[in-house]
Structure formats: structure tokens, C-alpha cells
Amino acid sequence: MGLHSIPSLPQSELPPLPRPSSPSSAAAAGGAAQLQTKAALLASNRPPMDPSERDLLRDIPYLLLGLPSTHFPLQEKSLSLPSSLPAPVISLLYSLAEPGLLYKSLQRFIATEEALGEDTVGLVGQSLRGAVKGELAGWMNLVAGIESEIRRFLATKEGSGVTLKRVAIWVREGTLGLRLMSVIIEETNTLKGGQLVDKVHSFTSHGDPYIRTFAHKLLLQITKPWYEMLKTWIYQGVLQDPFQEFFVRETNPLEPRSKYPPYGSSAYASALPKQSAWEGKYSLEETLVPGFIGEQVARKVFLIGKSLNFIRGDCGEEGYVIDHAKEASLEGTFPCSLALSFSFLPLLALLSSFGTSDVSLCWKDYGLIVELSYGNTVALEQSIDKAYLTTTSKLVELMKVKFGFWDHLNAFKKYILLGQGDFIAILMESIGYPLHLKFLPSAIFPLQTLYKSIPLSPHHCF
């Protein structure tokens, strides 16, 4: 169906034509003329069409591909037809010329990739052109099938196998696909990356089921490079976005900290980084977040990759990030029912020991691994939630165990004398009663007097 095959014609359920009651009655009428339909009578009295329908059918394959022919001198966006043709035939030929003109415009869109360059088109734009190119190949297969049917019909001198109306029925669904791709290209002409994906995703909410299905089929191929960026970011903490299409952006890199001059030198101030690695290295571009992701999920994705990058670069735990990428790419894509029942990691290790190059490929054959792709929202949310919990737990553990974050807080607390010695206790005992009284501006001076009256001996402070 659609752009790839000739649709089958529905069987007619009309009753058969009426016939004379008996041959004898017709003969008795003096050899009256046989009963004919109204269409046959009109066709017999109508002057012959010039050019004939058989001649027009011979050039229909060229018309469907937007190529000029003898009877259809196509120009860039117009078609000239003989005025001798009946009005219904002219209307039918114009409907058949529409997919040909759309086909040519889509071919020109594919050819713009080299002229615009990779920076302007981007990976998602390249995938869009690849998807359109695949649909155009299906349209060519449909036209080839129609051409073979026309040639078979023209080889017989008589018959009514192929007509212009029947060809119009065959290409009706494919014309809708070409028209939808032209609309998508026109509306995404200036968009890139996540904005392009979001715009095509909006067509999946259309009321027409054919448009919803066709847009979903295009998105399965268009979103492939976008999902590769997402998986690399949440599994490895690496941003592979050469054309700035992902909703995570990398700012100017910081200078290496190991090359700082000695503290106190004149060059120390100029060598300090202008922004921190945690707060300023990456930023979230909300305009590039697709609609099927959502703002909360996008912020989780942003924190996951930033945490992994911070763990590898600033905490020196590159081995953990590598192990996390292996486990998340395999175990994190199993369905929940399988993950809760038993663990597959020992079996995966066993397969790896036997020299299996791609373990995930073996599990895909049995349907046990769910790939992160468009339309699989459940697997996407599960993978993001699991990666978020794992990375944040590891980051808190490193701050607590490896870097002694709580010890630093306690030392800072002791440094500012909070909760240490008798100073705080004596202060609260002295000003406790005045603090329970109604506030008056004149009460400030007694509080200052009580504060100054507290002895500041070393015993009270330390």
C-alpha cells in the first residue's frame, strides 16, 4: 500500500444489467436494437477523443515521475494539455500530474544537502533526506508496476484492463504521502535538530490515521541520530553533537588546572578559569527539547550526562563510567518484568567469554533487549530513571567517602564556632527571656547590653 505497491480495487456490488425477457420477444419486435447502457450510448454518439486514452496511457509513467513527454509537455511547475480533451479527462490528468510535480520538488530537496553543507543540514536533516529518499524509491517502484500494467494492456488491441481513472485510484494513497512530505519539508525548512524532530512529531497528533501512521514511519528513521546522541550522553557522559542539534550545549572549554602557576604569583589571577566545570561547562537549550521528552525528563537527562562527565573528569573515576556504560546499554534496556525476575549479567558475561562479539545482537534476536527508539516511551523513561538514580548515588558516595565532604562541613562548623564551647549556650540563656517579649524598638539596647556582658574568655569560646 501507499508509495510501494498498487492497491487492489474493491469488487463491485452493483446488480447486473437488465436483459430482455426472451429472444423471441426481441425477434418479434422486428429485430429491434439490443439493450445498451447510458454510458455506451453516450460513448457511441461522442466524437473520438484526440489524443485517445490509449495514447495518453502510454505517457502516464513519465507524467507520474515529472518528466516531459509527447502528450504532456511538463515545465517546472505547470502542465499544458490539449484543449480538445473533455473537461473530465483534463481534471483527471491534472490530478495525475500533481504527484509528478511533488516528486520533482522532493528530488530537488534531496539534492540541496551537498549545496547547503553538513553544518547547515545537520545529522537529523540528513536522516530526513534519507527517509524522503526511501519513500521516493517506493514511489518509483509503484510507477514501475503501473507501467508494466499499462504495457500489458497496450499489447492487446481490445480490452478495458487499465484506464485513467484506475491509475488515479492506484496513485491516490501515494499522492497523499508525497503531499505530506512536501508539507513537512516546507514547515521544517529553517529548523534543525530537536526542533525538526518536534515539528514532525506534531503530525502524529493529526486526526487523519494515514497522516499519523506516515509521520510515525518517518520519525523512526529521522530520530536515529538524535537517539544516538541521547544514549551516548546518558550512558557515557560524552556529548557527540558536532552540529549543535541536541538540547545539551557545551560552552567554551576550561583551561587545564594542572598548568596553574604558583599561588601568589602575578600570573595566577589571569590563569584561573572563568567558570566552574560543574556549572558552566554545559547548558540546557529548552528550545531544542522535543515534545515527547518533556521538561522534567530533559532536566534529568542533562544532570545524568553532567554527573558522568564530572565523575570522569574531575573525580578521576573513568573506570566507573566505562562500567556504567556497559551495564546501562545492556541491562538497562531489558523489560521490567525480566529485570525483576532474574539478572542476566552472569549469562552476558558467559557469552562474552565464548568470544561473542555483539552480545546485545543475540538478545535482540529473541526480543529480550528493547532498543531506545522513537515510540518506545516506556523503555526510554525506565532507562533515564535508572541512569539518574545510579549516577546521583555514585556522585553522593564520591563526595562523602573519597573527598570527605561531611568532614569539610564539620571543620567549617568548628571554624566559625557554631555549637562549640559555652559561648552559644550562655548567649541563649541570657537573651532567651527578652526574645519571648513583644518586640519594641527600645528592646534592641538591652539585647546589646546582654551580649556585651557575656565573658569572652578562652574557656567560653573554645
Protein backbone atom coordinates (compact mmCIF):
# COMPACT_ATOMS: atom_id res chain seq x y z
CA MET A 1 0.00 0.00 0.00
CA GLY A 2 0.99 3.66 -0.19
CA LEU A 3 4.12 4.50 -2.15
CA HIS A 4 5.28 0.92 -2.60
CA SER A 5 2.54 -1.17 -4.24
CA ILE A 6 -0.57 -0.98 -6.39
CA PRO A 7 -3.69 -1.14 -4.21
CA SER A 8 -6.28 -3.74 -5.09
CA LEU A 9 -9.58 -2.48 -6.47
CA PRO A 10 -12.74 -3.23 -4.46
CA GLN A 11 -15.22 -5.64 -6.04
CA SER A 12 -18.37 -4.02 -7.37
CA GLU A 13 -21.61 -4.88 -5.59
CA LEU A 14 -23.93 -3.35 -8.17
CA PRO A 15 -26.74 -5.58 -9.54
CA PRO A 16 -26.34 -6.94 -13.08
CA LEU A 17 -27.76 -5.01 -16.01
CA PRO A 18 -31.32 -5.90 -17.05
CA ARG A 19 -31.69 -8.13 -20.12
CA PRO A 20 -34.60 -8.76 -22.49
CA SER A 21 -37.14 -11.23 -21.21
CA SER A 22 -36.69 -13.64 -24.11
CA PRO A 23 -35.05 -13.71 -27.54
CA SER A 24 -38.36 -14.46 -29.16
CA SER A 25 -39.88 -11.20 -27.99
CA ALA A 26 -36.94 -9.23 -29.38
CA ALA A 27 -37.24 -11.03 -32.70
CA ALA A 28 -40.97 -10.42 -32.72
CA ALA A 29 -40.33 -6.72 -32.39
CA GLY A 30 -38.84 -6.77 -35.86
CA GLY A 31 -35.15 -7.08 -34.98
CA ALA A 32 -35.08 -4.20 -32.51
CA ALA A 33 -31.67 -2.96 -31.34
CA GLN A 34 -30.06 -4.70 -28.36
CA LEU A 35 -30.35 -3.06 -24.94
CA GLN A 36 -27.42 -0.68 -24.19
CA THR A 37 -26.34 1.26 -21.12
CA LYS A 38 -26.44 5.03 -20.94
CA ALA A 39 -22.64 5.22 -20.88
CA ALA A 40 -22.41 3.09 -24.02
CA LEU A 41 -24.94 5.26 -25.80
CA LEU A 42 -23.05 8.45 -24.85
CA ALA A 43 -19.75 6.93 -25.93
CA SER A 44 -21.15 5.88 -29.31
CA ASN A 45 -22.51 9.37 -30.00
CA ARG A 46 -19.46 11.27 -28.66
CA PRO A 47 -16.74 12.22 -31.17
CA PRO A 48 -13.47 10.32 -30.73
CA MET A 49 -11.01 11.83 -28.21
CA ASP A 50 -7.82 13.21 -29.67
CA PRO A 51 -5.37 12.03 -28.45
CA SER A 52 -7.01 8.77 -27.47
CA GLU A 53 -6.94 7.31 -23.99
CA ARG A 54 -4.53 4.60 -25.11
CA ASP A 55 -2.09 7.27 -26.33
CA LEU A 56 -2.39 9.14 -23.04
CA LEU A 57 -1.79 5.97 -21.05
CA ARG A 58 1.46 5.44 -22.90
CA ASP A 59 2.87 8.67 -21.41
CA ILE A 60 1.37 8.33 -17.91
CA PRO A 61 4.57 6.82 -16.34
CA TYR A 62 6.53 9.91 -17.46
CA LEU A 63 3.85 12.17 -16.00
CA LEU A 64 3.97 10.40 -12.63
CA LEU A 65 7.74 10.97 -12.45
CA GLY A 66 7.55 14.62 -13.51
CA LEU A 67 9.23 14.03 -16.87
CA PRO A 68 8.10 15.74 -20.09
CA SER A 69 6.66 13.56 -22.85
CA THR A 70 4.88 13.84 -26.19
CA HIS A 71 1.39 14.50 -24.84
CA PHE A 72 2.44 16.06 -21.51
CA PRO A 73 4.98 18.87 -22.04
CA LEU A 74 5.72 19.45 -18.38
CA GLN A 75 7.51 22.63 -17.36
CA GLU A 76 8.89 23.48 -13.95
CA LYS A 77 5.54 23.92 -12.17
CA SER A 78 2.95 23.82 -14.93
CA LEU A 79 1.37 21.41 -17.39
CA SER A 80 -0.11 22.23 -20.81
CA LEU A 81 -2.86 19.93 -22.12
CA PRO A 82 -4.65 19.88 -25.50
CA SER A 83 -7.88 21.88 -25.46
CA SER A 84 -9.60 19.17 -27.49
CA LEU A 85 -9.75 16.86 -24.46
CA PRO A 86 -13.01 16.69 -22.48
CA ALA A 87 -13.16 18.54 -19.18
CA PRO A 88 -13.37 15.35 -17.02
CA VAL A 89 -10.26 13.96 -18.70
CA ILE A 90 -8.38 17.22 -18.18
CA SER A 91 -9.31 17.21 -14.49
CA LEU A 92 -8.13 13.62 -14.21
CA LEU A 93 -4.82 14.39 -15.88
CA TYR A 94 -4.19 17.34 -13.58
CA SER A 95 -4.71 15.07 -10.57
CA LEU A 96 -2.17 12.66 -12.08
CA ALA A 97 0.30 15.48 -12.71
CA GLU A 98 0.34 16.54 -9.04
CA PRO A 99 2.43 13.59 -7.76
CA GLY A 100 4.89 14.10 -10.62
CA LEU A 101 5.46 17.74 -9.68
CA LEU A 102 5.76 16.78 -5.99
CA TYR A 103 8.27 14.07 -6.91
CA LYS A 104 10.47 16.59 -8.72
CA SER A 105 10.35 19.08 -5.83
CA LEU A 106 11.31 16.35 -3.34
CA GLN A 107 14.21 15.34 -5.55
CA ARG A 108 15.43 18.93 -5.55
CA PHE A 109 15.18 18.95 -1.75
CA ILE A 110 17.40 15.87 -1.51
CA ALA A 111 19.96 17.44 -3.85
CA THR A 112 20.29 20.53 -1.58
CA GLU A 113 22.29 18.56 1.01
CA GLU A 114 25.59 18.99 -0.82
CA ALA A 115 24.91 22.66 -1.64
CA LEU A 116 24.00 23.66 1.93
CA GLY A 117 26.76 21.69 3.66
CA GLU A 118 26.75 19.49 6.76
CA ASP A 119 26.81 22.39 9.23
CA THR A 120 23.51 23.76 7.94
CA VAL A 121 21.75 20.43 7.36
CA GLY A 122 22.94 18.51 10.43
CA LEU A 123 22.61 14.81 11.21
CA VAL A 124 18.84 14.98 11.74
CA GLY A 125 18.43 16.82 8.44
CA GLN A 126 20.48 14.14 6.71
CA SER A 127 18.21 11.48 8.21
CA LEU A 128 15.15 13.39 6.96
CA ARG A 129 16.58 13.41 3.45
CA GLY A 130 17.36 9.71 3.75
CA ALA A 131 13.78 8.96 4.79
CA VAL A 132 12.40 11.03 1.90
CA LYS A 133 14.76 9.29 -0.49
CA GLY A 134 13.50 5.89 0.67
CA GLU A 135 9.87 6.93 0.14
CA LEU A 136 10.71 8.21 -3.35
CA ALA A 137 12.27 4.84 -4.14
CA GLY A 138 8.98 3.24 -3.13
CA TRP A 139 7.13 5.68 -5.40
CA MET A 140 9.36 4.65 -8.32
CA ASN A 141 8.52 1.00 -7.63
CA LEU A 142 4.82 1.88 -7.74
CA VAL A 143 5.25 3.71 -11.05
CA ALA A 144 7.19 0.75 -12.44
CA GLY A 145 4.30 -1.56 -11.51
CA ILE A 146 1.79 0.78 -13.16
CA GLU A 147 3.95 0.97 -16.29
CA SER A 148 4.06 -2.81 -16.57
CA GLU A 149 0.26 -2.94 -16.29
CA ILE A 150 -0.10 -0.26 -18.98
CA ARG A 151 2.31 -2.04 -21.32
CA ARG A 152 0.42 -5.29 -20.84
CA PHE A 153 -2.83 -3.53 -21.66
CA LEU A 154 -1.44 -1.73 -24.71
CA ALA A 155 -0.13 -5.04 -26.07
CA THR A 156 -3.76 -6.18 -26.52
CA LYS A 157 -5.80 -4.49 -29.23
CA GLU A 158 -9.03 -4.64 -27.29
CA GLY A 159 -9.94 -4.72 -23.64
CA SER A 160 -10.62 -2.47 -20.67
CA GLY A 161 -7.97 -3.51 -18.17
CA VAL A 162 -6.30 -0.14 -17.45
CA THR A 163 -7.93 3.28 -17.60
CA LEU A 164 -7.00 6.77 -16.44
CA LYS A 165 -9.48 6.50 -13.60
CA ARG A 166 -7.95 3.25 -12.44
CA VAL A 167 -4.45 4.76 -12.49
CA ALA A 168 -5.74 7.69 -10.42
CA ILE A 169 -7.09 5.22 -7.84
CA TRP A 170 -3.76 3.38 -7.72
CA VAL A 171 -1.73 6.53 -7.01
CA ARG A 172 -4.21 8.21 -4.64
CA GLU A 173 -2.60 7.00 -1.41
CA GLY A 174 0.92 7.56 -2.68
CA THR A 175 0.00 11.11 -3.64
CA LEU A 176 -1.06 11.76 -0.05
CA GLY A 177 2.38 10.61 1.13
CA LEU A 178 4.19 12.87 -1.34
CA ARG A 179 1.96 15.78 -0.35
CA LEU A 180 2.63 15.21 3.36
CA MET A 181 6.40 15.08 2.82
CA SER A 182 6.24 18.35 0.89
CA VAL A 183 4.33 19.98 3.77
CA ILE A 184 6.87 18.66 6.32
CA ILE A 185 9.80 19.95 4.29
CA GLU A 186 8.18 23.35 3.85
CA GLU A 187 7.50 23.74 7.60
CA THR A 188 10.92 22.44 8.71
CA ASN A 189 12.97 24.36 6.17
CA THR A 190 14.63 26.58 8.78
CA LEU A 191 14.57 24.10 11.69
CA LYS A 192 17.34 21.85 12.91
CA GLY A 193 17.90 19.03 15.36
CA GLY A 194 15.38 18.77 18.17
CA GLN A 195 13.16 21.48 16.67
CA LEU A 196 12.86 19.49 13.44
CA VAL A 197 12.03 16.30 15.34
CA ASP A 198 9.42 18.13 17.41
CA LYS A 199 7.76 19.59 14.31
CA VAL A 200 7.46 16.21 12.59
CA HIS A 201 6.23 14.73 15.88
CA SER A 202 3.33 17.20 15.87
CA PHE A 203 1.92 15.42 12.79
CA THR A 204 1.39 12.27 14.87
CA SER A 205 -1.46 14.09 16.65
CA HIS A 206 -3.35 14.66 13.40
CA GLY A 207 -6.91 13.38 13.08
CA ASP A 208 -6.23 11.51 9.85
CA PRO A 209 -4.93 7.99 10.68
CA TYR A 210 -2.92 7.85 7.44
CA ILE A 211 -1.05 11.06 8.34
CA ARG A 212 -0.37 9.77 11.86
CA THR A 213 0.98 6.46 10.57
CA PHE A 214 3.09 8.08 7.83
CA ALA A 215 4.62 10.64 10.23
CA HIS A 216 5.44 7.88 12.72
CA LYS A 217 7.18 5.89 9.98
CA LEU A 218 9.28 8.91 9.03
CA LEU A 219 10.20 9.61 12.66
CA LEU A 220 11.55 6.09 13.13
CA GLN A 221 14.36 6.99 10.72
CA ILE A 222 14.65 10.72 11.38
CA THR A 223 15.26 10.30 15.13
CA LYS A 224 18.02 7.67 14.83
CA PRO A 225 20.98 10.13 15.14
CA TRP A 226 19.14 12.03 17.89
CA TYR A 227 18.71 8.87 19.97
CA GLU A 228 22.37 8.00 19.41
CA MET A 229 23.30 11.38 20.94
CA LEU A 230 20.93 10.68 23.85
CA LYS A 231 22.36 7.22 24.57
CA THR A 232 25.97 8.46 24.41
CA TRP A 233 25.14 11.28 26.82
CA ILE A 234 23.25 9.27 29.48
CA TYR A 235 25.50 6.19 29.30
CA GLN A 236 28.98 7.71 28.87
CA GLY A 237 28.61 11.39 29.71
CA VAL A 238 30.00 12.30 26.29
CA LEU A 239 28.33 14.88 24.07
CA GLN A 240 28.60 13.75 20.43
CA ASP A 241 26.82 16.66 18.80
CA PRO A 242 29.01 18.13 16.04
CA PHE A 243 26.27 20.36 14.61
CA GLN A 244 24.56 21.52 17.86
CA GLU A 245 21.27 19.63 17.39
CA PHE A 246 20.91 18.13 20.88
CA PHE A 247 19.31 20.07 23.74
CA VAL A 248 22.57 19.95 25.71
CA ARG A 249 25.17 22.51 24.63
CA GLU A 250 28.85 22.68 25.52
CA THR A 251 30.29 26.08 26.27
CA ASN A 252 33.89 27.15 25.84
CA PRO A 253 36.22 24.53 27.41
CA LEU A 254 38.06 25.41 30.59
CA GLU A 255 41.80 25.70 30.81
CA PRO A 256 43.57 22.70 32.36
CA ARG A 257 44.04 23.15 36.10
CA SER A 258 47.39 21.36 36.21
CA LYS A 259 49.08 24.25 34.38
CA TYR A 260 48.31 26.88 37.04
CA PRO A 261 51.31 28.96 38.10
CA PRO A 262 52.27 29.01 41.77
CA TYR A 263 49.86 30.68 44.17
CA GLY A 264 50.69 34.30 44.81
CA SER A 265 52.48 34.91 41.52
CA SER A 266 51.38 37.70 39.20
CA ALA A 267 50.19 35.27 36.54
CA TYR A 268 47.95 33.37 38.99
CA ALA A 269 44.92 35.66 38.60
CA SER A 270 44.96 35.50 34.80
CA ALA A 271 45.33 31.70 34.80
CA LEU A 272 42.23 31.00 36.91
CA PRO A 273 39.26 29.56 34.97
CA LYS A 274 36.42 31.99 34.37
CA GLN A 275 33.71 29.38 35.09
CA SER A 276 33.42 26.17 37.05
CA ALA A 277 33.39 22.77 35.37
CA TRP A 278 30.08 21.83 37.00
CA GLU A 279 28.04 24.98 36.47
CA GLY A 280 29.41 26.47 33.29
CA LYS A 281 30.66 23.68 31.07
CA TYR A 282 27.24 22.55 29.80
CA SER A 283 23.91 24.31 29.37
CA LEU A 284 20.35 23.19 28.64
CA GLU A 285 18.69 24.58 25.50
CA GLU A 286 14.96 24.28 26.15
CA THR A 287 14.07 25.25 22.58
CA LEU A 288 15.64 22.02 21.29
CA VAL A 289 13.70 19.69 23.63
CA PRO A 290 11.20 17.57 21.61
CA GLY A 291 7.62 17.44 22.79
CA PHE A 292 7.67 13.71 23.55
CA ILE A 293 10.51 14.17 26.08
CA GLY A 294 9.11 16.81 28.42
CA GLU A 295 10.86 19.40 30.56
CA GLN A 296 11.37 17.21 33.67
CA VAL A 297 12.81 14.29 31.70
CA ALA A 298 15.09 16.68 29.80
CA ARG A 299 16.48 18.06 33.07
CA LYS A 300 17.13 14.51 34.29
CA VAL A 301 18.99 13.73 31.07
CA PHE A 302 21.00 16.93 31.48
CA LEU A 303 22.01 16.04 35.06
CA ILE A 304 22.89 12.43 34.15
CA GLY A 305 25.42 13.35 31.49
CA LYS A 306 26.83 16.24 33.50
CA SER A 307 27.30 13.97 36.52
CA LEU A 308 29.07 11.31 34.46
CA ASN A 309 31.31 13.92 32.89
CA PHE A 310 32.11 15.35 36.32
CA ILE A 311 32.81 11.87 37.76
CA ARG A 312 35.20 11.03 34.93
CA GLY A 313 36.95 14.37 34.52
CA ASP A 314 37.05 15.94 37.99
CA CYS A 315 36.74 12.91 40.24
CA GLY A 316 39.14 10.67 38.28
CA GLU A 317 36.70 7.74 38.11
CA GLU A 318 36.87 6.90 34.42
CA GLY A 319 36.65 3.18 35.11
CA TYR A 320 33.26 3.60 36.75
CA VAL A 321 31.92 5.47 33.72
CA ILE A 322 33.10 2.69 31.38
CA ASP A 323 31.44 0.01 33.52
CA HIS A 324 28.30 2.10 33.79
CA ALA A 325 28.10 2.43 30.00
CA LYS A 326 28.39 -1.35 29.52
CA GLU A 327 25.81 -2.23 32.15
CA ALA A 328 23.35 0.50 31.17
CA SER A 329 23.46 -0.33 27.47
CA LEU A 330 22.67 -4.00 28.16
CA GLU A 331 20.91 -4.45 31.47
CA GLY A 332 19.13 -1.07 31.36
CA THR A 333 17.29 -1.95 28.15
CA PHE A 334 15.66 -5.14 29.44
CA PRO A 335 11.92 -5.02 30.09
CA CYS A 336 10.88 -4.52 33.72
CA SER A 337 9.29 -7.97 34.05
CA LEU A 338 12.56 -9.65 33.08
CA ALA A 339 14.70 -7.34 35.17
CA LEU A 340 12.62 -8.06 38.30
CA SER A 341 12.56 -11.82 37.83
CA PHE A 342 16.29 -12.56 37.49
CA SER A 343 19.56 -10.99 36.44
CA PHE A 344 21.08 -11.55 33.02
CA LEU A 345 24.55 -10.22 33.78
CA PRO A 346 26.13 -13.64 34.54
CA LEU A 347 24.77 -15.02 31.28
CA LEU A 348 26.03 -12.00 29.38
CA ALA A 349 29.48 -12.50 30.89
CA LEU A 350 29.36 -16.17 29.88
CA LEU A 351 28.52 -15.27 26.29
CA SER A 352 31.34 -12.73 26.22
CA SER A 353 33.80 -15.35 27.47
CA PHE A 354 32.98 -17.56 24.47
CA GLY A 355 34.01 -14.80 22.08
CA THR A 356 30.62 -13.37 21.15
CA SER A 357 31.42 -10.04 19.52
CA ASP A 358 28.00 -8.42 19.98
CA VAL A 359 26.10 -9.84 22.92
CA SER A 360 23.21 -7.43 22.54
CA LEU A 361 22.66 -8.67 18.98
CA CYS A 362 21.99 -12.19 20.33
CA TRP A 363 19.39 -10.88 22.75
CA LYS A 364 17.72 -8.76 20.06
CA ASP A 365 17.05 -11.90 18.04
CA TYR A 366 14.98 -13.28 20.92
CA GLY A 367 13.23 -9.99 21.70
CA LEU A 368 14.79 -9.60 25.16
CA ILE A 369 16.50 -6.26 24.53
CA VAL A 370 14.39 -3.20 23.81
CA GLU A 371 16.18 -0.59 21.72
CA LEU A 372 15.78 3.08 22.57
CA SER A 373 13.91 4.36 19.54
CA TYR A 374 11.02 6.62 18.72
CA GLY A 375 7.66 5.39 20.01
CA ASN A 376 9.10 3.27 22.85
CA THR A 377 8.40 5.78 25.61
CA VAL A 378 8.31 3.21 28.42
CA ALA A 379 11.83 1.92 27.74
CA LEU A 380 13.12 5.48 27.41
CA GLU A 381 11.71 6.59 30.78
CA GLN A 382 12.96 3.43 32.51
CA SER A 383 16.48 3.88 31.16
CA ILE A 384 16.60 7.56 32.13
CA ASP A 385 15.24 6.94 35.65
CA LYS A 386 17.70 4.12 36.29
CA ALA A 387 20.67 6.09 34.96
CA TYR A 388 19.61 9.11 37.05
CA LEU A 389 19.45 7.12 40.29
CA THR A 390 22.74 5.34 39.59
CA THR A 391 24.77 8.42 38.72
CA THR A 392 23.43 10.62 41.52
CA SER A 393 24.06 7.86 44.10
CA LYS A 394 27.60 7.41 42.85
CA LEU A 395 28.22 11.17 42.92
CA VAL A 396 26.99 11.47 46.53
CA GLU A 397 29.12 8.47 47.51
CA LEU A 398 32.24 10.04 45.99
CA MET A 399 31.58 13.34 47.74
CA LYS A 400 31.08 11.56 51.05
CA VAL A 401 33.76 8.84 51.01
CA LYS A 402 36.50 9.86 48.62
CA PHE A 403 36.52 13.62 49.17
CA GLY A 404 35.21 13.71 52.78
CA PHE A 405 32.52 16.28 52.15
CA TRP A 406 30.94 15.86 55.60
CA ASP A 407 34.34 16.21 57.27
CA HIS A 408 34.83 19.51 55.46
CA LEU A 409 31.43 20.70 56.65
CA ASN A 410 32.24 19.76 60.25
CA ALA A 411 35.59 21.51 60.02
CA PHE A 412 33.88 24.60 58.67
CA LYS A 413 31.37 24.42 61.50
CA LYS A 414 34.16 24.28 64.06
CA TYR A 415 35.97 27.11 62.31
CA ILE A 416 33.07 29.54 62.77
CA LEU A 417 32.50 28.30 66.38
CA LEU A 418 28.93 27.06 65.83
CA GLY A 419 27.88 24.69 68.62
CA GLN A 420 31.33 24.56 70.21
CA GLY A 421 32.19 25.66 73.76
CA ASP A 422 29.90 27.57 76.18
CA PHE A 423 29.54 30.78 74.20
CA ILE A 424 26.33 29.79 72.37
CA ALA A 425 24.76 28.23 75.47
CA ILE A 426 25.44 31.31 77.66
CA LEU A 427 24.20 33.63 74.91
CA MET A 428 20.90 31.77 74.53
CA GLU A 429 20.38 31.68 78.30
CA SER A 430 20.97 35.41 78.58
CA ILE A 431 18.73 36.58 75.74
CA GLY A 432 16.10 33.82 75.99
CA TYR A 433 13.64 35.76 78.16
CA PRO A 434 13.84 39.08 76.19
CA LEU A 435 13.25 37.21 72.90
CA HIS A 436 9.86 35.96 74.20
CA LEU A 437 8.66 39.53 74.92
CA LYS A 438 6.81 41.75 72.45
CA PHE A 439 9.14 43.47 70.02
CA LEU A 440 9.79 47.15 70.69
CA PRO A 441 12.45 49.36 69.13
CA SER A 442 13.70 50.16 72.62
CA ALA A 443 14.40 46.44 73.26
CA ILE A 444 17.41 46.48 70.96
CA PHE A 445 19.61 48.24 73.51
CA PRO A 446 19.02 45.69 76.35
CA LEU A 447 19.93 42.87 73.93
CA GLN A 448 23.16 44.62 73.02
CA THR A 449 23.92 45.11 76.71
CA LEU A 450 23.31 41.42 77.46
CA TYR A 451 25.53 40.38 74.56
CA LYS A 452 28.41 42.57 75.75
CA SER A 453 28.06 41.30 79.29
CA ILE A 454 28.92 37.69 78.27
CA PRO A 455 32.54 36.95 79.24
CA LEU A 456 34.68 36.16 76.23
CA SER A 457 37.31 34.07 77.98
CA PRO A 458 39.11 31.22 76.12
CA HIS A 459 37.12 28.70 78.19
CA HIS A 460 33.83 30.09 76.84
CA CYS A 461 34.99 30.28 73.25
CA PHE A 462 36.90 27.03 72.97
